[in-house]
Amino acid sequence: MPHPIVVDLENRHTAKHYDASKAISKEDLDVILEALRLSPSSIDSQPWKFIVIESDEAKQRFHNTFESKHQFNQKHAKAASHIILFAHKTHYSREDFNKVLDVHVQIGRIAEENREQAFGSFAFVDMNTDEQGDNAAWTKAQVYLALGNLMHVLARLKIDSTPLEGIDHELVAEEFANELVGYQCDVALAMGYSDAVNDFNASLPKSRLPKESIVTII
């Protein structure tokens, strides 16, 4: 009997069409948002913001960002139950990391007197920051950890998903300027329930390279 994790991943597919009449329940959405919060990141930096698009008004705003390119993904803006914009801070600072350490002290993970010692791990940020304080490439990498984590959570919940790198980053930044202050969105995730008739990808067999060609045990 295959392990449940393997079954989750075998059954998961990238949805190509959603059933707009089916919505994610509040109970499942609560799990989704908590899973996002619990996602791992380098040095526990959490340099992200997640904009959850749920209302018809917000979906229309997202729909509008496809006017110039990537129109093949525009259909998901209104048909999916929810879309999440995965945004990363472009200039992650010591002040941002200090907020993380505030929580560490509050819950007893570290003692207040050890705060400066804990700041030693900020060296990883410094190594990836240019002279203008830009470390967006590093913070963007952290966002993909959260994206991968959530896609598996959705598979466990039997909720379909579609990662969307095909978005107009500039129009998203313009349309959601008030929500994205200091953050940049390069990828989104549509979530909901596949259209059983029109989602051709749902019935196709899972295709991956054989384990022997990608895994080396030494």
N, C-alpha and C. Protein backbone atom coordinates (compact mmCIF):
# COMPACT_ATOMS: atom_id res chain seq x y z
N MET A 1 0.85 -1.19 0.00
CA MET A 1 0.00 0.00 0.00
C MET A 1 0.89 1.25 0.00
N PRO A 2 0.75 2.14 -1.00
CA PRO A 2 1.60 3.34 -1.04
C PRO A 2 1.39 4.22 0.19
N HIS A 3 2.44 4.92 0.58
CA HIS A 3 2.35 5.85 1.69
C HIS A 3 1.39 6.98 1.32
N PRO A 4 0.61 7.50 2.29
CA PRO A 4 -0.34 8.60 2.00
C PRO A 4 0.31 9.82 1.35
N ILE A 5 1.55 10.12 1.73
CA ILE A 5 2.24 11.26 1.10
C ILE A 5 2.44 11.01 -0.38
N VAL A 6 2.83 9.79 -0.74
CA VAL A 6 3.03 9.44 -2.15
C VAL A 6 1.70 9.49 -2.90
N VAL A 7 0.64 9.03 -2.25
CA VAL A 7 -0.69 9.08 -2.87
C VAL A 7 -1.09 10.53 -3.14
N ASP A 8 -0.84 11.41 -2.16
CA ASP A 8 -1.13 12.84 -2.34
C ASP A 8 -0.46 13.37 -3.60
N LEU A 9 0.83 13.07 -3.74
CA LEU A 9 1.61 13.63 -4.84
C LEU A 9 1.29 12.95 -6.17
N GLU A 10 0.93 11.68 -6.13
CA GLU A 10 0.53 10.99 -7.35
C GLU A 10 -0.77 11.58 -7.89
N ASN A 11 -1.67 11.94 -6.99
CA ASN A 11 -2.99 12.44 -7.40
C ASN A 11 -2.99 13.92 -7.73
N ARG A 12 -1.98 14.65 -7.27
CA ARG A 12 -1.93 16.09 -7.54
C ARG A 12 -1.64 16.38 -9.01
N HIS A 13 -2.30 17.40 -9.54
CA HIS A 13 -2.00 17.87 -10.88
C HIS A 13 -2.19 19.38 -10.93
N THR A 14 -1.63 20.02 -11.93
CA THR A 14 -1.83 21.45 -12.12
C THR A 14 -3.15 21.64 -12.86
N ALA A 15 -4.11 22.25 -12.19
CA ALA A 15 -5.44 22.43 -12.79
C ALA A 15 -5.37 23.42 -13.94
N LYS A 16 -6.01 23.07 -15.05
CA LYS A 16 -6.05 23.94 -16.22
C LYS A 16 -7.39 24.67 -16.35
N HIS A 17 -8.41 24.14 -15.70
CA HIS A 17 -9.73 24.80 -15.67
C HIS A 17 -10.35 24.54 -14.30
N TYR A 18 -10.99 25.57 -13.74
CA TYR A 18 -11.64 25.45 -12.44
C TYR A 18 -13.15 25.50 -12.57
N ASP A 19 -13.81 24.88 -11.61
CA ASP A 19 -15.26 24.95 -11.49
C ASP A 19 -15.59 26.14 -10.60
N ALA A 20 -16.05 27.22 -11.22
CA ALA A 20 -16.29 28.47 -10.48
C ALA A 20 -17.40 28.36 -9.45
N SER A 21 -18.21 27.29 -9.52
CA SER A 21 -19.32 27.14 -8.58
C SER A 21 -18.88 26.51 -7.26
N LYS A 22 -17.64 26.04 -7.18
CA LYS A 22 -17.16 25.35 -5.98
C LYS A 22 -16.15 26.23 -5.25
N ALA A 23 -16.40 26.45 -3.96
CA ALA A 23 -15.54 27.31 -3.15
C ALA A 23 -14.87 26.52 -2.03
N ILE A 24 -13.68 26.93 -1.68
CA ILE A 24 -12.97 26.34 -0.55
C ILE A 24 -13.68 26.74 0.74
N SER A 25 -13.89 25.79 1.63
CA SER A 25 -14.59 26.07 2.88
C SER A 25 -13.73 26.93 3.79
N LYS A 26 -14.38 27.63 4.72
CA LYS A 26 -13.64 28.44 5.70
C LYS A 26 -12.72 27.57 6.53
N GLU A 27 -13.18 26.36 6.87
CA GLU A 27 -12.36 25.45 7.69
C GLU A 27 -11.07 25.10 6.95
N ASP A 28 -11.18 24.77 5.66
CA ASP A 28 -9.99 24.44 4.89
C ASP A 28 -9.11 25.67 4.68
N LEU A 29 -9.74 26.82 4.47
CA LEU A 29 -8.95 28.03 4.29
C LEU A 29 -8.14 28.36 5.54
N ASP A 30 -8.72 28.11 6.71
CA ASP A 30 -7.99 28.34 7.96
C ASP A 30 -6.74 27.45 8.02
N VAL A 31 -6.87 26.20 7.57
CA VAL A 31 -5.72 25.29 7.54
C VAL A 31 -4.68 25.80 6.56
N ILE A 32 -5.13 26.25 5.40
CA ILE A 32 -4.23 26.76 4.35
C ILE A 32 -3.42 27.94 4.87
N LEU A 33 -4.09 28.88 5.52
CA LEU A 33 -3.39 30.07 6.00
C LEU A 33 -2.42 29.75 7.13
N GLU A 34 -2.79 28.80 7.98
CA GLU A 34 -1.88 28.40 9.05
C GLU A 34 -0.68 27.66 8.48
N ALA A 35 -0.91 26.85 7.44
CA ALA A 35 0.20 26.15 6.79
C ALA A 35 1.18 27.17 6.18
N LEU A 36 0.65 28.23 5.59
CA LEU A 36 1.51 29.29 5.06
C LEU A 36 2.35 29.90 6.18
N ARG A 37 1.69 30.21 7.30
CA ARG A 37 2.39 30.82 8.42
C ARG A 37 3.51 29.94 8.95
N LEU A 38 3.32 28.64 8.88
CA LEU A 38 4.28 27.69 9.42
C LEU A 38 5.36 27.28 8.41
N SER A 39 5.34 27.86 7.24
CA SER A 39 6.32 27.50 6.21
C SER A 39 7.74 27.82 6.67
N PRO A 40 8.72 27.03 6.25
CA PRO A 40 10.11 27.28 6.62
C PRO A 40 10.73 28.38 5.77
N SER A 41 11.76 29.02 6.32
CA SER A 41 12.53 30.01 5.56
C SER A 41 13.93 30.07 6.16
N SER A 42 14.90 30.47 5.35
CA SER A 42 16.28 30.58 5.83
C SER A 42 16.36 31.52 7.03
N ILE A 43 17.06 31.11 8.04
CA ILE A 43 17.24 31.79 9.34
C ILE A 43 15.91 32.22 9.95
N ASP A 44 14.82 31.54 9.55
CA ASP A 44 13.49 31.88 10.03
C ASP A 44 13.15 33.34 9.72
N SER A 45 13.62 33.81 8.56
CA SER A 45 13.49 35.23 8.19
C SER A 45 12.06 35.64 7.90
N GLN A 46 11.28 34.74 7.31
CA GLN A 46 9.88 35.02 6.97
C GLN A 46 9.73 36.36 6.22
N PRO A 47 10.46 36.52 5.11
CA PRO A 47 10.47 37.82 4.41
C PRO A 47 9.34 37.95 3.40
N TRP A 48 8.15 37.56 3.80
CA TRP A 48 7.05 37.44 2.86
C TRP A 48 5.76 38.09 3.32
N LYS A 49 4.88 38.22 2.35
CA LYS A 49 3.51 38.65 2.61
C LYS A 49 2.63 37.88 1.64
N PHE A 50 1.49 37.40 2.14
CA PHE A 50 0.58 36.61 1.31
C PHE A 50 -0.74 37.37 1.16
N ILE A 51 -1.05 37.78 -0.05
CA ILE A 51 -2.28 38.50 -0.33
C ILE A 51 -3.31 37.49 -0.83
N VAL A 52 -4.36 37.26 -0.04
CA VAL A 52 -5.37 36.26 -0.38
C VAL A 52 -6.52 36.95 -1.12
N ILE A 53 -6.71 36.56 -2.36
CA ILE A 53 -7.76 37.13 -3.20
C ILE A 53 -8.99 36.25 -3.12
N GLU A 54 -10.04 36.78 -2.52
CA GLU A 54 -11.24 36.00 -2.25
C GLU A 54 -12.51 36.66 -2.81
N SER A 55 -12.63 37.96 -2.65
CA SER A 55 -13.86 38.65 -3.06
C SER A 55 -13.93 38.80 -4.58
N ASP A 56 -15.14 38.99 -5.09
CA ASP A 56 -15.32 39.22 -6.53
C ASP A 56 -14.58 40.47 -6.97
N GLU A 57 -14.58 41.48 -6.12
CA GLU A 57 -13.89 42.72 -6.45
C GLU A 57 -12.39 42.49 -6.61
N ALA A 58 -11.80 41.76 -5.68
CA ALA A 58 -10.36 41.49 -5.74
C ALA A 58 -10.04 40.60 -6.94
N LYS A 59 -10.91 39.65 -7.24
CA LYS A 59 -10.69 38.79 -8.41
C LYS A 59 -10.72 39.60 -9.70
N GLN A 60 -11.61 40.58 -9.76
CA GLN A 60 -11.66 41.45 -10.94
C GLN A 60 -10.37 42.25 -11.06
N ARG A 61 -9.85 42.72 -9.95
CA ARG A 61 -8.59 43.46 -9.97
C ARG A 61 -7.46 42.58 -10.50
N PHE A 62 -7.41 41.33 -10.05
CA PHE A 62 -6.38 40.42 -10.54
C PHE A 62 -6.60 40.12 -12.02
N HIS A 63 -7.87 39.92 -12.41
CA HIS A 63 -8.22 39.68 -13.80
C HIS A 63 -7.70 40.82 -14.69
N ASN A 64 -7.78 42.04 -14.19
CA ASN A 64 -7.36 43.21 -14.97
C ASN A 64 -5.87 43.23 -15.25
N THR A 65 -5.08 42.54 -14.43
CA THR A 65 -3.63 42.59 -14.60
C THR A 65 -3.15 41.76 -15.78
N PHE A 66 -4.05 41.04 -16.43
CA PHE A 66 -3.66 40.21 -17.58
C PHE A 66 -3.93 40.89 -18.92
N GLU A 67 -4.17 42.18 -18.91
CA GLU A 67 -4.56 42.84 -20.15
C GLU A 67 -3.45 42.90 -21.18
N SER A 68 -2.18 42.82 -20.73
CA SER A 68 -1.07 42.96 -21.67
C SER A 68 -0.41 41.64 -22.05
N LYS A 69 -0.37 40.69 -21.13
CA LYS A 69 0.30 39.42 -21.43
C LYS A 69 -0.17 38.32 -20.49
N HIS A 70 0.21 37.10 -20.84
CA HIS A 70 -0.13 35.89 -20.09
C HIS A 70 -1.65 35.69 -19.98
N GLN A 71 -2.36 36.03 -21.05
CA GLN A 71 -3.82 35.90 -21.02
C GLN A 71 -4.29 34.46 -20.82
N PHE A 72 -3.43 33.48 -21.11
CA PHE A 72 -3.79 32.08 -20.91
C PHE A 72 -4.08 31.77 -19.45
N ASN A 73 -3.57 32.58 -18.53
CA ASN A 73 -3.84 32.37 -17.11
C ASN A 73 -4.98 33.24 -16.58
N GLN A 74 -5.48 34.13 -17.40
CA GLN A 74 -6.51 35.07 -16.95
C GLN A 74 -7.78 34.36 -16.49
N LYS A 75 -8.11 33.23 -17.12
CA LYS A 75 -9.33 32.50 -16.78
C LYS A 75 -9.36 32.07 -15.31
N HIS A 76 -8.17 31.86 -14.73
CA HIS A 76 -8.14 31.41 -13.33
C HIS A 76 -8.53 32.52 -12.36
N ALA A 77 -8.40 33.76 -12.78
CA ALA A 77 -8.62 34.89 -11.87
C ALA A 77 -10.02 34.89 -11.28
N LYS A 78 -10.99 34.50 -12.08
CA LYS A 78 -12.37 34.50 -11.59
C LYS A 78 -12.92 33.10 -11.33
N ALA A 79 -12.39 32.09 -11.99
CA ALA A 79 -12.93 30.74 -11.84
C ALA A 79 -12.41 30.03 -10.59
N ALA A 80 -11.17 30.31 -10.21
CA ALA A 80 -10.61 29.67 -9.02
C ALA A 80 -11.33 30.19 -7.78
N SER A 81 -11.39 29.36 -6.76
CA SER A 81 -12.02 29.78 -5.51
C SER A 81 -11.24 30.92 -4.87
N HIS A 82 -9.91 30.79 -4.82
CA HIS A 82 -9.04 31.80 -4.22
C HIS A 82 -7.74 31.86 -5.03
N ILE A 83 -7.11 33.01 -5.00
CA ILE A 83 -5.75 33.17 -5.51
C ILE A 83 -4.92 33.79 -4.40
N ILE A 84 -3.70 33.31 -4.27
CA ILE A 84 -2.78 33.90 -3.30
C ILE A 84 -1.60 34.52 -4.04
N LEU A 85 -1.33 35.78 -3.77
CA LEU A 85 -0.14 36.44 -4.28
C LEU A 85 0.99 36.20 -3.28
N PHE A 86 2.05 35.57 -3.74
CA PHE A 86 3.22 35.30 -2.89
C PHE A 86 4.21 36.45 -3.10
N ALA A 87 4.35 37.30 -2.11
CA ALA A 87 5.19 38.49 -2.24
C ALA A 87 6.38 38.41 -1.30
N HIS A 88 7.51 38.90 -1.78
CA HIS A 88 8.73 38.90 -0.97
C HIS A 88 9.23 40.32 -0.77
N LYS A 89 9.81 40.57 0.38
CA LYS A 89 10.34 41.90 0.68
C LYS A 89 11.62 42.10 -0.13
N THR A 90 11.72 43.22 -0.79
CA THR A 90 12.87 43.44 -1.68
C THR A 90 14.10 43.96 -0.94
N HIS A 91 13.90 44.56 0.22
CA HIS A 91 15.01 45.10 1.01
C HIS A 91 14.84 44.65 2.46
N TYR A 92 15.09 43.38 2.68
CA TYR A 92 14.93 42.80 4.03
C TYR A 92 16.05 43.33 4.91
N SER A 93 15.68 43.88 6.08
CA SER A 93 16.64 44.60 6.92
C SER A 93 16.80 43.98 8.30
N ARG A 94 17.77 44.51 9.04
CA ARG A 94 17.96 44.09 10.43
C ARG A 94 16.70 44.39 11.26
N GLU A 95 16.02 45.47 10.94
CA GLU A 95 14.78 45.79 11.64
C GLU A 95 13.73 44.71 11.41
N ASP A 96 13.65 44.20 10.18
CA ASP A 96 12.70 43.12 9.88
C ASP A 96 13.05 41.87 10.68
N PHE A 97 14.34 41.54 10.72
CA PHE A 97 14.75 40.34 11.45
C PHE A 97 14.56 40.52 12.94
N ASN A 98 14.69 41.75 13.43
CA ASN A 98 14.49 42.01 14.85
C ASN A 98 13.06 41.70 15.26
N LYS A 99 12.11 41.91 14.35
CA LYS A 99 10.71 41.58 14.65
C LYS A 99 10.53 40.07 14.83
N VAL A 100 11.29 39.30 14.05
CA VAL A 100 11.27 37.84 14.21
C VAL A 100 11.84 37.47 15.58
N LEU A 101 12.94 38.12 15.93
CA LEU A 101 13.56 37.82 17.23
C LEU A 101 12.67 38.25 18.39
N ASP A 102 11.88 39.29 18.20
CA ASP A 102 10.92 39.70 19.23
C ASP A 102 10.00 38.53 19.58
N VAL A 103 9.52 37.84 18.55
CA VAL A 103 8.64 36.69 18.77
C VAL A 103 9.41 35.56 19.44
N HIS A 104 10.66 35.34 18.99
CA HIS A 104 11.47 34.29 19.61
C HIS A 104 11.61 34.52 21.12
N VAL A 105 11.85 35.76 21.49
CA VAL A 105 11.99 36.09 22.92
C VAL A 105 10.65 35.92 23.63
N GLN A 106 9.59 36.38 23.00
CA GLN A 106 8.26 36.33 23.61
C GLN A 106 7.83 34.90 23.94
N ILE A 107 8.14 33.96 23.05
CA ILE A 107 7.69 32.58 23.28
C ILE A 107 8.73 31.74 24.02
N GLY A 108 9.88 32.34 24.32
CA GLY A 108 10.90 31.62 25.06
C GLY A 108 11.85 30.80 24.22
N ARG A 109 11.87 31.04 22.90
CA ARG A 109 12.79 30.31 22.03
C ARG A 109 14.24 30.75 22.30
N ILE A 110 14.42 32.06 22.55
CA ILE A 110 15.72 32.57 22.96
C ILE A 110 15.51 33.52 24.13
N ALA A 111 16.54 33.72 24.91
CA ALA A 111 16.49 34.68 26.02
C ALA A 111 16.85 36.06 25.50
N GLU A 112 16.29 37.09 26.11
CA GLU A 112 16.56 38.46 25.67
C GLU A 112 18.06 38.76 25.64
N GLU A 113 18.77 38.24 26.62
CA GLU A 113 20.21 38.53 26.70
C GLU A 113 21.00 37.86 25.56
N ASN A 114 20.34 36.93 24.84
CA ASN A 114 21.00 36.25 23.72
C ASN A 114 20.58 36.81 22.36
N ARG A 115 19.85 37.93 22.37
CA ARG A 115 19.36 38.50 21.12
C ARG A 115 20.51 38.85 20.15
N GLU A 116 21.52 39.52 20.66
CA GLU A 116 22.62 39.93 19.78
C GLU A 116 23.35 38.72 19.20
N GLN A 117 23.48 37.69 20.01
CA GLN A 117 24.10 36.46 19.50
C GLN A 117 23.25 35.86 18.39
N ALA A 118 21.93 35.89 18.56
CA ALA A 118 21.02 35.35 17.54
C ALA A 118 21.12 36.14 16.24
N PHE A 119 21.49 37.42 16.34
CA PHE A 119 21.64 38.25 15.15
C PHE A 119 22.79 37.78 14.25
N GLY A 120 23.62 36.88 14.79
CA GLY A 120 24.73 36.37 13.99
C GLY A 120 24.28 35.72 12.69
N SER A 121 23.10 35.11 12.72
CA SER A 121 22.61 34.43 11.52
C SER A 121 22.22 35.42 10.41
N PHE A 122 22.10 36.71 10.77
CA PHE A 122 21.77 37.71 9.76
C PHE A 122 22.89 37.84 8.73
N ALA A 123 24.03 37.25 9.01
CA ALA A 123 25.14 37.26 8.05
C ALA A 123 24.71 36.65 6.71
N PHE A 124 23.77 35.70 6.74
CA PHE A 124 23.29 35.09 5.51
C PHE A 124 22.54 36.12 4.65
N VAL A 125 21.86 37.05 5.31
CA VAL A 125 21.19 38.13 4.58
C VAL A 125 22.24 39.07 4.00
N ASP A 126 23.21 39.46 4.81
CA ASP A 126 24.25 40.37 4.35
C ASP A 126 24.97 39.82 3.12
N MET A 127 25.19 38.52 3.10
CA MET A 127 25.89 37.89 1.98
C MET A 127 25.10 38.00 0.68
N ASN A 128 23.79 38.24 0.79
CA ASN A 128 22.93 38.28 -0.39
C ASN A 128 22.32 39.66 -0.62
N THR A 129 22.94 40.68 -0.04
CA THR A 129 22.43 42.05 -0.14
C THR A 129 23.44 42.92 -0.89
N ASP A 130 22.96 43.70 -1.87
CA ASP A 130 23.87 44.56 -2.62
C ASP A 130 24.05 45.91 -1.93
N GLU A 131 24.79 46.79 -2.56
CA GLU A 131 25.12 48.07 -1.93
C GLU A 131 23.91 48.96 -1.72
N GLN A 132 22.84 48.71 -2.47
CA GLN A 132 21.61 49.49 -2.32
C GLN A 132 20.64 48.86 -1.32
N GLY A 133 21.07 47.76 -0.67
CA GLY A 133 20.21 47.09 0.30
C GLY A 133 19.21 46.14 -0.31
N ASP A 134 19.38 45.86 -1.61
CA ASP A 134 18.45 44.96 -2.31
C ASP A 134 18.88 43.51 -2.11
N ASN A 135 17.97 42.71 -1.58
CA ASN A 135 18.22 41.27 -1.43
C ASN A 135 17.03 40.46 -1.96
N ALA A 136 16.38 41.00 -2.98
CA ALA A 136 15.15 40.41 -3.49
C ALA A 136 15.35 38.99 -4.02
N ALA A 137 16.50 38.71 -4.62
CA ALA A 137 16.73 37.36 -5.15
C ALA A 137 16.72 36.33 -4.02
N TRP A 138 17.29 36.71 -2.88
CA TRP A 138 17.34 35.80 -1.72
C TRP A 138 15.96 35.66 -1.09
N THR A 139 15.25 36.77 -0.91
CA THR A 139 13.92 36.68 -0.29
C THR A 139 12.93 35.96 -1.20
N LYS A 140 13.08 36.13 -2.51
CA LYS A 140 12.20 35.42 -3.45
C LYS A 140 12.37 33.91 -3.30
N ALA A 141 13.61 33.46 -3.08
CA ALA A 141 13.86 32.03 -2.89
C ALA A 141 13.09 31.49 -1.69
N GLN A 142 12.94 32.30 -0.65
CA GLN A 142 12.21 31.86 0.55
C GLN A 142 10.72 31.67 0.24
N VAL A 143 10.19 32.54 -0.62
CA VAL A 143 8.78 32.46 -1.00
C VAL A 143 8.47 31.11 -1.66
N TYR A 144 9.42 30.59 -2.43
CA TYR A 144 9.17 29.32 -3.12
C TYR A 144 9.13 28.14 -2.14
N LEU A 145 9.79 28.30 -0.98
CA LEU A 145 9.65 27.27 0.05
C LEU A 145 8.20 27.23 0.54
N ALA A 146 7.62 28.40 0.76
CA ALA A 146 6.23 28.47 1.19
C ALA A 146 5.29 27.96 0.11
N LEU A 147 5.58 28.27 -1.14
CA LEU A 147 4.75 27.80 -2.26
C LEU A 147 4.73 26.28 -2.33
N GLY A 148 5.90 25.67 -2.27
CA GLY A 148 5.97 24.21 -2.33
C GLY A 148 5.27 23.56 -1.15
N ASN A 149 5.47 24.13 0.04
CA ASN A 149 4.80 23.62 1.23
C ASN A 149 3.29 23.64 1.05
N LEU A 150 2.76 24.77 0.57
CA LEU A 150 1.32 24.90 0.45
C LEU A 150 0.74 23.98 -0.62
N MET A 151 1.46 23.77 -1.71
CA MET A 151 0.93 22.90 -2.76
C MET A 151 0.74 21.48 -2.26
N HIS A 152 1.62 21.03 -1.36
CA HIS A 152 1.43 19.69 -0.78
C HIS A 152 0.27 19.69 0.20
N VAL A 153 0.15 20.74 0.99
CA VAL A 153 -0.98 20.85 1.91
C VAL A 153 -2.31 20.78 1.14
N LEU A 154 -2.37 21.48 0.02
CA LEU A 154 -3.59 21.46 -0.80
C LEU A 154 -3.88 20.07 -1.34
N ALA A 155 -2.82 19.36 -1.73
CA ALA A 155 -3.01 17.99 -2.21
C ALA A 155 -3.60 17.11 -1.11
N ARG A 156 -3.14 17.30 0.12
CA ARG A 156 -3.67 16.53 1.24
C ARG A 156 -5.14 16.87 1.49
N LEU A 157 -5.51 18.14 1.28
CA LEU A 157 -6.89 18.58 1.46
C LEU A 157 -7.78 18.27 0.26
N LYS A 158 -7.15 17.69 -0.79
CA LYS A 158 -7.86 17.38 -2.04
C LYS A 158 -8.43 18.65 -2.70
N ILE A 159 -7.62 19.70 -2.62
CA ILE A 159 -7.92 20.97 -3.28
C ILE A 159 -6.92 21.13 -4.42
N ASP A 160 -7.42 21.48 -5.58
CA ASP A 160 -6.56 21.63 -6.75
C ASP A 160 -5.85 22.98 -6.73
N SER A 161 -4.74 23.06 -7.47
CA SER A 161 -3.98 24.30 -7.49
C SER A 161 -3.25 24.49 -8.81
N THR A 162 -2.90 25.73 -9.08
CA THR A 162 -2.15 26.09 -10.29
C THR A 162 -1.13 27.16 -9.94
N PRO A 163 0.17 26.83 -9.93
CA PRO A 163 1.17 27.88 -9.71
C PRO A 163 1.22 28.79 -10.92
N LEU A 164 1.27 30.10 -10.67
CA LEU A 164 1.20 31.08 -11.75
C LEU A 164 2.43 31.98 -11.75
N GLU A 165 3.47 31.55 -12.46
CA GLU A 165 4.58 32.46 -12.73
C GLU A 165 4.24 33.35 -13.93
N GLY A 166 3.27 32.90 -14.72
CA GLY A 166 2.82 33.67 -15.87
C GLY A 166 1.86 34.78 -15.45
N ILE A 167 2.39 35.77 -14.77
CA ILE A 167 1.62 36.96 -14.39
C ILE A 167 2.40 38.19 -14.82
N ASP A 168 1.73 39.31 -14.95
CA ASP A 168 2.38 40.56 -15.30
C ASP A 168 2.81 41.24 -14.00
N HIS A 169 4.07 41.07 -13.65
CA HIS A 169 4.56 41.55 -12.35
C HIS A 169 4.35 43.05 -12.18
N GLU A 170 4.54 43.79 -13.26
CA GLU A 170 4.42 45.24 -13.17
C GLU A 170 2.97 45.66 -12.95
N LEU A 171 2.03 45.03 -13.67
CA LEU A 171 0.62 45.39 -13.48
C LEU A 171 0.10 44.91 -12.13
N VAL A 172 0.58 43.75 -11.66
CA VAL A 172 0.21 43.29 -10.32
C VAL A 172 0.70 44.30 -9.28
N ALA A 173 1.93 44.78 -9.44
CA ALA A 173 2.47 45.77 -8.50
C ALA A 173 1.65 47.05 -8.52
N GLU A 174 1.18 47.43 -9.69
CA GLU A 174 0.38 48.65 -9.81
C GLU A 174 -1.01 48.47 -9.22
N GLU A 175 -1.67 47.36 -9.57
CA GLU A 175 -3.05 47.13 -9.13
C GLU A 175 -3.13 46.89 -7.63
N PHE A 176 -2.12 46.24 -7.07
CA PHE A 176 -2.14 45.90 -5.64
C PHE A 176 -1.08 46.70 -4.86
N ALA A 177 -0.86 47.93 -5.31
CA ALA A 177 0.17 48.77 -4.69
C ALA A 177 -0.07 48.98 -3.20
N ASN A 178 -1.31 49.15 -2.82
CA ASN A 178 -1.63 49.41 -1.41
C ASN A 178 -1.35 48.20 -0.53
N GLU A 179 -1.49 47.02 -1.09
CA GLU A 179 -1.26 45.80 -0.31
C GLU A 179 0.21 45.36 -0.34
N LEU A 180 0.95 45.78 -1.35
CA LEU A 180 2.30 45.26 -1.57
C LEU A 180 3.41 46.24 -1.20
N VAL A 181 3.12 47.22 -0.40
CA VAL A 181 4.13 48.24 -0.07
C VAL A 181 5.40 47.57 0.47
N GLY A 182 6.51 47.76 -0.25
CA GLY A 182 7.78 47.19 0.18
C GLY A 182 7.98 45.75 -0.24
N TYR A 183 6.99 45.16 -0.90
CA TYR A 183 7.05 43.76 -1.31
C TYR A 183 6.84 43.65 -2.81
N GLN A 184 7.31 42.55 -3.38
CA GLN A 184 7.20 42.31 -4.82
C GLN A 184 6.59 40.93 -5.05
N CYS A 185 5.66 40.85 -5.97
CA CYS A 185 5.01 39.57 -6.29
C CYS A 185 5.44 39.10 -7.66
N ASP A 186 6.10 37.95 -7.71
CA ASP A 186 6.52 37.34 -8.97
C ASP A 186 5.81 36.03 -9.25
N VAL A 187 5.04 35.55 -8.29
CA VAL A 187 4.35 34.28 -8.48
C VAL A 187 3.07 34.27 -7.64
N ALA A 188 2.05 33.62 -8.18
CA ALA A 188 0.77 33.49 -7.48
C ALA A 188 0.34 32.04 -7.52
N LEU A 189 -0.68 31.71 -6.75
CA LEU A 189 -1.20 30.35 -6.74
C LEU A 189 -2.72 30.40 -6.77
N ALA A 190 -3.29 29.81 -7.82
CA ALA A 190 -4.75 29.65 -7.89
C ALA A 190 -5.12 28.38 -7.15
N MET A 191 -6.26 28.40 -6.46
CA MET A 191 -6.71 27.24 -5.68
C MET A 191 -8.20 27.06 -5.86
N GLY A 192 -8.64 25.83 -5.84
CA GLY A 192 -10.07 25.56 -5.95
C GLY A 192 -10.31 24.13 -6.36
N TYR A 193 -11.33 23.93 -7.19
CA TYR A 193 -11.72 22.58 -7.58
C TYR A 193 -11.80 22.48 -9.10
N SER A 194 -11.12 21.50 -9.61
CA SER A 194 -11.00 21.30 -11.05
C SER A 194 -12.36 21.13 -11.72
N ASP A 195 -12.49 21.66 -12.91
CA ASP A 195 -13.67 21.46 -13.75
C ASP A 195 -13.57 20.05 -14.35
N ALA A 196 -14.43 19.16 -13.92
CA ALA A 196 -14.34 17.75 -14.30
C ALA A 196 -14.44 17.54 -15.80
N VAL A 197 -15.12 18.43 -16.49
CA VAL A 197 -15.31 18.28 -17.93
C VAL A 197 -14.17 18.89 -18.73
N ASN A 198 -13.75 20.09 -18.34
CA ASN A 198 -12.81 20.86 -19.17
C ASN A 198 -11.35 20.81 -18.74
N ASP A 199 -11.07 20.27 -17.57
CA ASP A 199 -9.68 20.21 -17.12
C ASP A 199 -9.01 18.96 -17.69
N PHE A 200 -8.45 19.11 -18.89
CA PHE A 200 -7.85 17.97 -19.59
C PHE A 200 -6.68 17.37 -18.82
N ASN A 201 -6.01 18.17 -18.00
CA ASN A 201 -4.82 17.69 -17.31
C ASN A 201 -5.15 16.71 -16.18
N ALA A 202 -6.39 16.76 -15.71
CA ALA A 202 -6.78 15.92 -14.57
C ALA A 202 -6.74 14.43 -14.90
N SER A 203 -7.01 14.07 -16.14
CA SER A 203 -7.10 12.65 -16.51
C SER A 203 -5.81 12.11 -17.12
N LEU A 204 -4.83 12.97 -17.32
CA LEU A 204 -3.58 12.51 -17.91
C LEU A 204 -2.73 11.78 -16.88
N PRO A 205 -1.97 10.77 -17.30
CA PRO A 205 -1.13 10.05 -16.34
C PRO A 205 -0.01 10.94 -15.82
N LYS A 206 0.37 10.71 -14.58
CA LYS A 206 1.48 11.46 -13.97
C LYS A 206 2.77 11.10 -14.70
N SER A 207 3.52 12.11 -15.09
CA SER A 207 4.76 11.89 -15.84
C SER A 207 5.92 12.55 -15.12
N ARG A 208 6.87 11.74 -14.69
CA ARG A 208 8.09 12.23 -14.06
C ARG A 208 9.27 11.38 -14.53
N LEU A 209 10.47 11.93 -14.49
CA LEU A 209 11.66 11.15 -14.81
C LEU A 209 11.81 10.02 -13.79
N PRO A 210 12.40 8.90 -14.20
CA PRO A 210 12.59 7.80 -13.25
C PRO A 210 13.54 8.21 -12.12
N LYS A 211 13.25 7.66 -10.96
CA LYS A 211 14.03 7.99 -9.77
C LYS A 211 15.53 7.78 -9.99
N GLU A 212 15.88 6.71 -10.72
CA GLU A 212 17.28 6.36 -10.90
C GLU A 212 18.05 7.44 -11.68
N SER A 213 17.33 8.24 -12.46
CA SER A 213 18.01 9.25 -13.28
C SER A 213 18.19 10.58 -12.55
N ILE A 214 17.54 10.75 -11.41
CA ILE A 214 17.63 12.03 -10.71
C ILE A 214 18.12 11.91 -9.27
N VAL A 215 18.14 10.70 -8.73
CA VAL A 215 18.57 10.50 -7.34
C VAL A 215 19.83 9.64 -7.31
N THR A 216 20.85 10.14 -6.62
CA THR A 216 22.08 9.37 -6.44
C THR A 216 22.31 9.20 -4.94
N ILE A 217 22.35 7.97 -4.49
CA ILE A 217 22.62 7.66 -3.09
C ILE A 217 24.07 7.23 -2.98
N ILE A 218 24.84 7.94 -2.14
CA ILE A 218 26.27 7.62 -2.03
C ILE A 218 26.65 7.33 -0.59
